[in-house]
Protein backbone atom coordinates (compact mmCIF):
# COMPACT_ATOMS: atom_id res chain seq x y z
CA MET A 1 -8.56 12.39 -15.79
CA ARG A 2 -8.92 11.85 -12.06
CA GLU A 3 -8.40 14.57 -9.48
CA HIS A 4 -4.90 14.90 -8.00
CA ILE A 5 -4.93 14.27 -4.24
CA PRO A 6 -1.93 15.87 -2.49
CA LEU A 7 0.03 13.59 -0.18
CA GLU A 8 0.05 14.38 3.53
CA GLU A 9 1.86 12.87 6.50
CA GLY A 10 0.34 9.47 7.28
CA ASP A 11 -0.77 8.79 3.70
CA TYR A 12 2.15 6.44 2.98
CA TYR A 13 5.27 4.85 4.40
CA TRP A 14 8.51 3.47 2.95
CA THR A 15 9.36 -0.23 3.12
CA PRO A 16 12.93 -1.35 3.90
CA GLU A 17 13.26 -2.20 0.20
CA GLY A 18 12.51 1.43 -0.73
CA TYR A 19 8.92 1.11 -1.96
CA ARG A 20 6.27 3.70 -1.06
CA VAL A 21 3.15 2.00 0.35
CA PHE A 22 -0.11 3.92 0.54
CA THR A 23 -2.15 3.57 3.73
CA ALA A 24 -5.86 2.77 3.86
CA ARG A 25 -6.39 6.39 4.96
CA TYR A 26 -4.98 7.70 1.69
CA LEU A 27 -6.78 5.11 -0.44
CA LEU A 28 -10.12 6.09 1.14
CA LYS A 29 -9.32 9.75 0.61
CA ARG A 30 -8.59 8.98 -3.05
CA GLY A 31 -12.12 7.60 -3.32
CA TYR A 32 -11.86 4.60 -5.65
CA CYS A 33 -10.28 1.16 -6.00
CA CYS A 34 -7.57 0.93 -8.67
CA GLU A 35 -7.78 -2.91 -8.64
CA SER A 36 -3.99 -3.26 -8.38
CA GLY A 37 -4.01 -5.34 -5.19
CA CYS A 38 -2.83 -2.57 -2.85
CA ARG A 39 -1.48 -3.88 0.45
CA HIS A 40 -3.94 -1.81 2.52
CA CYS A 41 -6.92 -1.74 0.15
CA PRO A 42 -9.98 -0.61 2.14
CA TYR A 43 -12.28 -1.64 -0.71
CA GLY A 44 -11.66 -5.36 -0.32
CA PHE A 45 -10.26 -6.06 -3.78
CA ASP A 46 -8.75 -9.56 -4.01
CA PRO A 47 -6.08 -9.78 -6.74
CA ARG A 48 -6.32 -13.59 -6.77
CA THR A 49 -9.99 -13.55 -7.83
CA GLN A 50 -9.98 -10.08 -9.49
CA ARG A 51 -13.14 -9.23 -7.52
CA ARG A 52 -14.35 -7.05 -4.71
CA PRO A 53 -16.77 -8.43 -2.10
CA LYS A 54 -20.44 -7.64 -2.73
């Protein structure tokens, strides 16, 4: 099981539709790519190709 990272101010924001969107800051703090195509993925994962850049 992965370590729980507590949420802090600036780690996410809410869209007008009511979805929570994690920022690149939080995703870097988390330390890994979940390969879900996150909007602000700092790891470069491309959901269309299912790959990260080398």
